């Protein structure tokens, strides 16, 4: 069974994006689709982000301050994963 972070690594590599964070709806829904999860609007994105927060795996978890003052999690490909 594929873990969420594994699906995220595959989707990020395929799309050429270096990271995923809250608000990246297309990426988050693509990760959910890769996992075979049903789409449930914004709840799908929340579910993916919650799974990545619990187990980021080989992704590097960083905190990013948004312009509105909110702190959000950002999951980036590690240097090793980006090189593959």
PDB file of N, CA and C in Angstrom:
ATOM      1  N   UNK A   1       0.836  -1.184   0.000  1.00  0.00           N
ATOM      2  CA  UNK A   1       0.000   0.000   0.000  1.00  0.00           C
ATOM      3  C   UNK A   1       0.884   1.252   0.000  1.00  0.00           C
ATOM      4  N   UNK A   2       0.582   2.164  -0.877  1.00  0.00           N
ATOM      5  CA  UNK A   2       1.372   3.385  -1.019  1.00  0.00           C
ATOM      6  C   UNK A   2       1.020   4.375   0.098  1.00  0.00           C
ATOM      7  N   UNK A   3       2.038   4.988   0.641  1.00  0.00           N
ATOM      8  CA  UNK A   3       1.829   6.023   1.662  1.00  0.00           C
ATOM      9  C   UNK A   3       1.651   7.370   0.963  1.00  0.00           C
ATOM     10  N   UNK A   4       1.064   8.299   1.686  1.00  0.00           N
ATOM     11  CA  UNK A   4       0.779   9.618   1.128  1.00  0.00           C
ATOM     12  C   UNK A   4       2.054  10.319   0.674  1.00  0.00           C
ATOM     13  N   UNK A   5       3.129  10.245   1.479  1.00  0.00           N
ATOM     14  CA  UNK A   5       4.360  10.935   1.109  1.00  0.00           C
ATOM     15  C   UNK A   5       4.960  10.334  -0.163  1.00  0.00           C
ATOM     16  N   UNK A   6       4.780   9.015  -0.366  1.00  0.00           N
ATOM     17  CA  UNK A   6       5.294   8.380  -1.581  1.00  0.00           C
ATOM     18  C   UNK A   6       4.537   8.881  -2.810  1.00  0.00           C
ATOM     19  N   UNK A   7       3.223   8.992  -2.681  1.00  0.00           N
ATOM     20  CA  UNK A   7       2.417   9.519  -3.778  1.00  0.00           C
ATOM     21  C   UNK A   7       2.791  10.973  -4.059  1.00  0.00           C
ATOM     22  N   UNK A   8       3.050  11.741  -2.997  1.00  0.00           N
ATOM     23  CA  UNK A   8       3.436  13.140  -3.162  1.00  0.00           C
ATOM     24  C   UNK A   8       4.763  13.262  -3.905  1.00  0.00           C
ATOM     25  N   UNK A   9       5.727  12.421  -3.555  1.00  0.00           N
ATOM     26  CA  UNK A   9       7.033  12.448  -4.236  1.00  0.00           C
ATOM     27  C   UNK A   9       6.840  12.155  -5.727  1.00  0.00           C
ATOM     28  N   UNK A  10       6.042  11.148  -6.055  1.00  0.00           N
ATOM     29  CA  UNK A  10       5.812  10.798  -7.461  1.00  0.00           C
ATOM     30  C   UNK A  10       5.139  11.939  -8.219  1.00  0.00           C
ATOM     31  N   UNK A  11       4.102  12.523  -7.624  1.00  0.00           N
ATOM     32  CA  UNK A  11       3.377  13.612  -8.288  1.00  0.00           C
ATOM     33  C   UNK A  11       4.278  14.829  -8.464  1.00  0.00           C
ATOM     34  N   UNK A  12       5.060  15.168  -7.450  1.00  0.00           N
ATOM     35  CA  UNK A  12       5.953  16.324  -7.563  1.00  0.00           C
ATOM     36  C   UNK A  12       7.011  16.103  -8.646  1.00  0.00           C
ATOM     37  N   UNK A  13       7.552  14.902  -8.722  1.00  0.00           N
ATOM     38  CA  UNK A  13       8.536  14.606  -9.775  1.00  0.00           C
ATOM     39  C   UNK A  13       7.915  14.719 -11.165  1.00  0.00           C
ATOM     40  N   UNK A  14       6.728  14.128 -11.319  1.00  0.00           N
ATOM     41  CA  UNK A  14       6.066  14.120 -12.629  1.00  0.00           C
ATOM     42  C   UNK A  14       5.682  15.518 -13.090  1.00  0.00           C
ATOM     43  N   UNK A  15       5.257  16.364 -12.156  1.00  0.00           N
ATOM     44  CA  UNK A  15       4.800  17.704 -12.528  1.00  0.00           C
ATOM     45  C   UNK A  15       5.926  18.730 -12.553  1.00  0.00           C
ATOM     46  N   UNK A  16       7.056  18.373 -11.959  1.00  0.00           N
ATOM     47  CA  UNK A  16       8.179  19.308 -11.941  1.00  0.00           C
ATOM     48  C   UNK A  16       8.080  20.365 -10.856  1.00  0.00           C
ATOM     49  N   UNK A  17       7.141  20.216  -9.940  1.00  0.00           N
ATOM     50  CA  UNK A  17       7.014  21.161  -8.833  1.00  0.00           C
ATOM     51  C   UNK A  17       7.976  20.767  -7.709  1.00  0.00           C
ATOM     52  N   UNK A  18       8.597  21.734  -7.063  1.00  0.00           N
ATOM     53  CA  UNK A  18       9.544  21.420  -5.990  1.00  0.00           C
ATOM     54  C   UNK A  18       8.884  21.154  -4.642  1.00  0.00           C
ATOM     55  N   UNK A  19       7.611  21.595  -4.481  1.00  0.00           N
ATOM     56  CA  UNK A  19       6.963  21.473  -3.171  1.00  0.00           C
ATOM     57  C   UNK A  19       5.444  21.513  -3.314  1.00  0.00           C
ATOM     58  N   UNK A  20       4.776  21.141  -2.219  1.00  0.00           N
ATOM     59  CA  UNK A  20       3.324  21.229  -2.140  1.00  0.00           C
ATOM     60  C   UNK A  20       2.962  21.833  -0.793  1.00  0.00           C
ATOM     61  N   UNK A  21       1.918  22.647  -0.778  1.00  0.00           N
ATOM     62  CA  UNK A  21       1.460  23.272   0.462  1.00  0.00           C
ATOM     63  C   UNK A  21      -0.036  23.527   0.362  1.00  0.00           C
ATOM     64  N   UNK A  22      -0.596  24.013   1.440  1.00  0.00           N
ATOM     65  CA  UNK A  22      -2.017  24.343   1.464  1.00  0.00           C
ATOM     66  C   UNK A  22      -2.314  25.331   0.334  1.00  0.00           C
ATOM     67  N   UNK A  23      -3.377  25.071  -0.396  1.00  0.00           N
ATOM     68  CA  UNK A  23      -3.742  25.941  -1.512  1.00  0.00           C
ATOM     69  C   UNK A  23      -3.351  25.391  -2.867  1.00  0.00           C
ATOM     70  N   UNK A  24      -2.465  24.414  -2.898  1.00  0.00           N
ATOM     71  CA  UNK A  24      -2.068  23.781  -4.160  1.00  0.00           C
ATOM     72  C   UNK A  24      -3.079  22.681  -4.500  1.00  0.00           C
ATOM     73  N   UNK A  25      -4.292  23.097  -4.827  1.00  0.00           N
ATOM     74  CA  UNK A  25      -5.403  22.163  -4.979  1.00  0.00           C
ATOM     75  C   UNK A  25      -5.155  21.099  -6.039  1.00  0.00           C
ATOM     76  N   UNK A  26      -4.630  21.488  -7.174  1.00  0.00           N
ATOM     77  CA  UNK A  26      -4.390  20.491  -8.233  1.00  0.00           C
ATOM     78  C   UNK A  26      -3.407  19.420  -7.784  1.00  0.00           C
ATOM     79  N   UNK A  27      -2.336  19.841  -7.156  1.00  0.00           N
ATOM     80  CA  UNK A  27      -1.343  18.875  -6.678  1.00  0.00           C
ATOM     81  C   UNK A  27      -1.925  17.985  -5.582  1.00  0.00           C
ATOM     82  N   UNK A  28      -2.629  18.587  -4.641  1.00  0.00           N
ATOM     83  CA  UNK A  28      -3.191  17.816  -3.534  1.00  0.00           C
ATOM     84  C   UNK A  28      -4.226  16.806  -4.036  1.00  0.00           C
ATOM     85  N   UNK A  29      -5.036  17.212  -5.004  1.00  0.00           N
ATOM     86  CA  UNK A  29      -6.032  16.287  -5.564  1.00  0.00           C
ATOM     87  C   UNK A  29      -5.359  15.213  -6.418  1.00  0.00           C
ATOM     88  N   UNK A  30      -4.267  15.547  -7.071  1.00  0.00           N
ATOM     89  CA  UNK A  30      -3.524  14.536  -7.838  1.00  0.00           C
ATOM     90  C   UNK A  30      -2.917  13.493  -6.899  1.00  0.00           C
ATOM     91  N   UNK A  31      -2.445  13.930  -5.753  1.00  0.00           N
ATOM     92  CA  UNK A  31      -1.899  13.000  -4.754  1.00  0.00           C
ATOM     93  C   UNK A  31      -3.007  12.083  -4.249  1.00  0.00           C
ATOM     94  N   UNK A  32      -4.165  12.660  -3.943  1.00  0.00           N
ATOM     95  CA  UNK A  32      -5.301  11.862  -3.470  1.00  0.00           C
ATOM     96  C   UNK A  32      -5.737  10.855  -4.527  1.00  0.00           C
ATOM     97  N   UNK A  33      -5.745  11.282  -5.777  1.00  0.00           N
ATOM     98  CA  UNK A  33      -6.124  10.382  -6.871  1.00  0.00           C
ATOM     99  C   UNK A  33      -5.135   9.224  -6.983  1.00  0.00           C
ATOM    100  N   UNK A  34      -3.861   9.513  -6.841  1.00  0.00           N
ATOM    101  CA  UNK A  34      -2.822   8.482  -6.882  1.00  0.00           C
ATOM    102  C   UNK A  34      -3.026   7.450  -5.773  1.00  0.00           C
ATOM    103  N   UNK A  35      -3.542   7.909  -4.638  1.00  0.00           N
ATOM    104  CA  UNK A  35      -3.789   7.021  -3.507  1.00  0.00           C
ATOM    105  C   UNK A  35      -5.115   6.278  -3.614  1.00  0.00           C
ATOM    106  N   UNK A  36      -5.942   6.677  -4.589  1.00  0.00           N
ATOM    107  CA  UNK A  36      -7.240   6.042  -4.757  1.00  0.00           C
ATOM    108  C   UNK A  36      -8.295   6.580  -3.806  1.00  0.00           C
ATOM    109  N   UNK A  37      -8.042   7.757  -3.241  1.00  0.00           N
ATOM    110  CA  UNK A  37      -9.004   8.362  -2.324  1.00  0.00           C
ATOM    111  C   UNK A  37     -10.098   9.052  -3.113  1.00  0.00           C
ATOM    112  N   UNK A  38     -11.318   8.994  -2.594  1.00  0.00           N
ATOM    113  CA  UNK A  38     -12.445   9.668  -3.235  1.00  0.00           C
ATOM    114  C   UNK A  38     -12.298  11.172  -3.050  1.00  0.00           C
ATOM    115  N   UNK A  39     -12.733  11.910  -4.068  1.00  0.00           N
ATOM    116  CA  UNK A  39     -12.673  13.369  -3.981  1.00  0.00           C
ATOM    117  C   UNK A  39     -13.880  13.878  -3.207  1.00  0.00           C
ATOM    118  N   UNK A  40     -13.601  14.765  -2.273  1.00  0.00           N
ATOM    119  CA  UNK A  40     -14.645  15.317  -1.422  1.00  0.00           C
ATOM    120  C   UNK A  40     -14.403  16.815  -1.241  1.00  0.00           C
ATOM    121  N   UNK A  41     -14.217  17.496  -2.360  1.00  0.00           N
ATOM    122  CA  UNK A  41     -14.014  18.942  -2.322  1.00  0.00           C
ATOM    123  C   UNK A  41     -12.798  19.337  -1.513  1.00  0.00           C
ATOM    124  N   UNK A  42     -12.924  20.410  -0.719  1.00  0.00           N
ATOM    125  CA  UNK A  42     -11.791  20.895   0.080  1.00  0.00           C
ATOM    126  C   UNK A  42     -11.339  19.901   1.149  1.00  0.00           C
ATOM    127  N   UNK A  43     -12.230  18.999   1.538  1.00  0.00           N
ATOM    128  CA  UNK A  43     -11.869  18.003   2.546  1.00  0.00           C
ATOM    129  C   UNK A  43     -10.750  17.094   2.035  1.00  0.00           C
ATOM    130  N   UNK A  44     -10.712  16.879   0.727  1.00  0.00           N
ATOM    131  CA  UNK A  44      -9.659  16.048   0.137  1.00  0.00           C
ATOM    132  C   UNK A  44      -8.291  16.674   0.390  1.00  0.00           C
ATOM    133  N   UNK A  45      -8.179  17.973   0.164  1.00  0.00           N
ATOM    134  CA  UNK A  45      -6.914  18.675   0.379  1.00  0.00           C
ATOM    135  C   UNK A  45      -6.514  18.631   1.842  1.00  0.00           C
ATOM    136  N   UNK A  46      -7.482  18.833   2.730  1.00  0.00           N
ATOM    137  CA  UNK A  46      -7.198  18.781   4.164  1.00  0.00           C
ATOM    138  C   UNK A  46      -6.712  17.393   4.568  1.00  0.00           C
ATOM    139  N   UNK A  47      -7.326  16.372   3.986  1.00  0.00           N
ATOM    140  CA  UNK A  47      -6.951  14.995   4.317  1.00  0.00           C
ATOM    141  C   UNK A  47      -5.511  14.698   3.884  1.00  0.00           C
ATOM    142  N   UNK A  48      -5.141  15.147   2.683  1.00  0.00           N
ATOM    143  CA  UNK A  48      -3.775  14.931   2.188  1.00  0.00           C
ATOM    144  C   UNK A  48      -2.781  15.686   3.064  1.00  0.00           C
ATOM    145  N   UNK A  49      -3.076  16.949   3.376  1.00  0.00           N
ATOM    146  CA  UNK A  49      -2.162  17.729   4.209  1.00  0.00           C
ATOM    147  C   UNK A  49      -2.027  17.119   5.609  1.00  0.00           C
ATOM    148  N   UNK A  50      -3.114  16.609   6.166  1.00  0.00           N
ATOM    149  CA  UNK A  50      -3.055  15.980   7.490  1.00  0.00           C
ATOM    150  C   UNK A  50      -2.177  14.735   7.448  1.00  0.00           C
ATOM    151  N   UNK A  51      -2.307  13.954   6.372  1.00  0.00           N
ATOM    152  CA  UNK A  51      -1.488  12.739   6.246  1.00  0.00           C
ATOM    153  C   UNK A  51      -0.011  13.096   6.100  1.00  0.00           C
ATOM    154  N   UNK A  52       0.293  14.141   5.341  1.00  0.00           N
ATOM    155  CA  UNK A  52       1.688  14.560   5.176  1.00  0.00           C
ATOM    156  C   UNK A  52       2.243  15.125   6.483  1.00  0.00           C
ATOM    157  N   UNK A  53       1.414  15.822   7.252  1.00  0.00           N
ATOM    158  CA  UNK A  53       1.865  16.346   8.553  1.00  0.00           C
ATOM    159  C   UNK A  53       2.181  15.222   9.520  1.00  0.00           C
ATOM    160  N   UNK A  54       1.400  14.136   9.475  1.00  0.00           N
ATOM    161  CA  UNK A  54       1.653  13.006  10.368  1.00  0.00           C
ATOM    162  C   UNK A  54       2.928  12.273   9.996  1.00  0.00           C
ATOM    163  N   UNK A  55       3.116  12.026   8.695  1.00  0.00           N
ATOM    164  CA  UNK A  55       4.286  11.271   8.220  1.00  0.00           C
ATOM    165  C   UNK A  55       4.824  11.900   6.941  1.00  0.00           C
ATOM    166  N   UNK A  56       5.734  12.857   7.060  1.00  0.00           N
ATOM    167  CA  UNK A  56       6.282  13.490   5.857  1.00  0.00           C
ATOM    168  C   UNK A  56       7.236  12.595   5.065  1.00  0.00           C
ATOM    169  N   UNK A  57       7.678  11.478   5.659  1.00  0.00           N
ATOM    170  CA  UNK A  57       8.548  10.546   4.939  1.00  0.00           C
ATOM    171  C   UNK A  57       9.819  11.214   4.453  1.00  0.00           C
ATOM    172  N   UNK A  58      10.089  11.106   3.160  1.00  0.00           N
ATOM    173  CA  UNK A  58      11.317  11.686   2.590  1.00  0.00           C
ATOM    174  C   UNK A  58      11.148  13.135   2.153  1.00  0.00           C
ATOM    175  N   UNK A  59       9.976  13.689   2.385  1.00  0.00           N
ATOM    176  CA  UNK A  59       9.772  15.105   2.083  1.00  0.00           C
ATOM    177  C   UNK A  59      10.302  15.936   3.249  1.00  0.00           C
ATOM    178  N   UNK A  60      10.813  17.103   2.951  1.00  0.00           N
ATOM    179  CA  UNK A  60      11.294  18.020   3.989  1.00  0.00           C
ATOM    180  C   UNK A  60      10.139  18.936   4.385  1.00  0.00           C
ATOM    181  N   UNK A  61       9.760  18.874   5.645  1.00  0.00           N
ATOM    182  CA  UNK A  61       8.665  19.703   6.135  1.00  0.00           C
ATOM    183  C   UNK A  61       9.222  21.036   6.593  1.00  0.00           C
ATOM    184  N   UNK A  62       8.674  22.098   6.063  1.00  0.00           N
ATOM    185  CA  UNK A  62       9.086  23.446   6.433  1.00  0.00           C
ATOM    186  C   UNK A  62       7.838  24.246   6.805  1.00  0.00           C
ATOM    187  N   UNK A  63       8.026  25.268   7.582  1.00  0.00           N
ATOM    188  CA  UNK A  63       6.932  26.181   7.919  1.00  0.00           C
ATOM    189  C   UNK A  63       7.125  27.449   7.099  1.00  0.00           C
ATOM    190  N   UNK A  64       6.033  27.926   6.526  1.00  0.00           N
ATOM    191  CA  UNK A  64       6.113  29.132   5.707  1.00  0.00           C
ATOM    192  C   UNK A  64       5.100  30.144   6.225  1.00  0.00           C
ATOM    193  N   UNK A  65       5.542  31.375   6.392  1.00  0.00           N
ATOM    194  CA  UNK A  65       4.672  32.456   6.842  1.00  0.00           C
ATOM    195  C   UNK A  65       4.058  33.120   5.620  1.00  0.00           C
ATOM    196  N   UNK A  66       2.736  33.135   5.563  1.00  0.00           N
ATOM    197  CA  UNK A  66       2.038  33.763   4.453  1.00  0.00           C
ATOM    198  C   UNK A  66       1.893  35.257   4.704  1.00  0.00           C
ATOM    199  N   UNK A  67       1.523  35.995   3.664  1.00  0.00           N
ATOM    200  CA  UNK A  67       1.405  37.438   3.790  1.00  0.00           C
ATOM    201  C   UNK A  67       0.298  37.848   4.760  1.00  0.00           C
ATOM    202  N   UNK A  68      -0.675  36.973   5.000  1.00  0.00           N
ATOM    203  CA  UNK A  68      -1.748  37.298   5.949  1.00  0.00           C
ATOM    204  C   UNK A  68      -1.386  36.925   7.388  1.00  0.00           C
ATOM    205  N   UNK A  69      -0.153  36.482   7.602  1.00  0.00           N
ATOM    206  CA  UNK A  69       0.317  36.162   8.939  1.00  0.00           C
ATOM    207  C   UNK A  69       0.113  34.715   9.360  1.00  0.00           C
ATOM    208  N   UNK A  70      -0.509  33.905   8.498  1.00  0.00           N
ATOM    209  CA  UNK A  70      -0.728  32.497   8.831  1.00  0.00           C
ATOM    210  C   UNK A  70       0.536  31.688   8.576  1.00  0.00           C
ATOM    211  N   UNK A  71       0.759  30.719   9.418  1.00  0.00           N
ATOM    212  CA  UNK A  71       1.887  29.806   9.280  1.00  0.00           C
ATOM    213  C   UNK A  71       1.361  28.497   8.712  1.00  0.00           C
ATOM    214  N   UNK A  72       1.904  28.072   7.581  1.00  0.00           N
ATOM    215  CA  UNK A  72       1.433  26.837   6.945  1.00  0.00           C
ATOM    216  C   UNK A  72       2.614  25.891   6.722  1.00  0.00           C
ATOM    217  N   UNK A  73       2.275  24.601   6.625  1.00  0.00           N
ATOM    218  CA  UNK A  73       3.292  23.591   6.336  1.00  0.00           C
ATOM    219  C   UNK A  73       3.534  23.527   4.840  1.00  0.00           C
ATOM    220  N   UNK A  74       4.788  23.370   4.483  1.00  0.00           N
ATOM    221  CA  UNK A  74       5.199  23.235   3.082  1.00  0.00           C
ATOM    222  C   UNK A  74       6.080  21.990   3.025  1.00  0.00           C
ATOM    223  N   UNK A  75       5.784  21.107   2.091  1.00  0.00           N
ATOM    224  CA  UNK A  75       6.529  19.860   1.962  1.00  0.00           C
ATOM    225  C   UNK A  75       7.332  19.897   0.668  1.00  0.00           C
ATOM    226  N   UNK A  76       8.650  19.895   0.815  1.00  0.00           N
ATOM    227  CA  UNK A  76       9.554  20.015  -0.323  1.00  0.00           C
ATOM    228  C   UNK A  76      10.244  18.697  -0.589  1.00  0.00           C
ATOM    229  N   UNK A  77      10.591  18.472  -1.850  1.00  0.00           N
ATOM    230  CA  UNK A  77      11.407  17.318  -2.192  1.00  0.00           C
ATOM    231  C   UNK A  77      12.784  17.496  -1.573  1.00  0.00           C
ATOM    232  N   UNK A  78      13.305  16.449  -0.973  1.00  0.00           N
ATOM    233  CA  UNK A  78      14.660  16.527  -0.449  1.00  0.00           C
ATOM    234  C   UNK A  78      15.625  16.599  -1.632  1.00  0.00           C
ATOM    235  N   UNK A  79      16.849  16.993  -1.369  1.00  0.00           N
ATOM    236  CA  UNK A  79      17.843  17.097  -2.444  1.00  0.00           C
ATOM    237  C   UNK A  79      18.052  15.753  -3.131  1.00  0.00           C
ATOM    238  N   UNK A  80      18.013  14.684  -2.336  1.00  0.00           N
ATOM    239  CA  UNK A  80      18.200  13.332  -2.895  1.00  0.00           C
ATOM    240  C   UNK A  80      17.045  12.977  -3.840  1.00  0.00           C
ATOM    241  N   UNK A  81      15.814  13.273  -3.407  1.00  0.00           N
ATOM    242  CA  UNK A  81      14.639  12.951  -4.214  1.00  0.00           C
ATOM    243  C   UNK A  81      14.584  13.815  -5.472  1.00  0.00           C
ATOM    244  N   UNK A  82      14.959  15.078  -5.352  1.00  0.00           N
ATOM    245  CA  UNK A  82      14.925  15.970  -6.505  1.00  0.00           C
ATOM    246  C   UNK A  82      15.947  15.570  -7.554  1.00  0.00           C
ATOM    247  N   UNK A  83      17.040  14.969  -7.114  1.00  0.00           N
ATOM    248  CA  UNK A  83      18.106  14.568  -8.054  1.00  0.00           C
ATOM    249  C   UNK A  83      17.739  13.322  -8.853  1.00  0.00           C
ATOM    250  N   UNK A  84      16.825  12.514  -8.359  1.00  0.00           N
ATOM    251  CA  UNK A  84      16.459  11.274  -9.048  1.00  0.00           C
ATOM    252  C   UNK A  84      15.629  11.513 -10.279  1.00  0.00           C
TER     253      UNK A  84
END
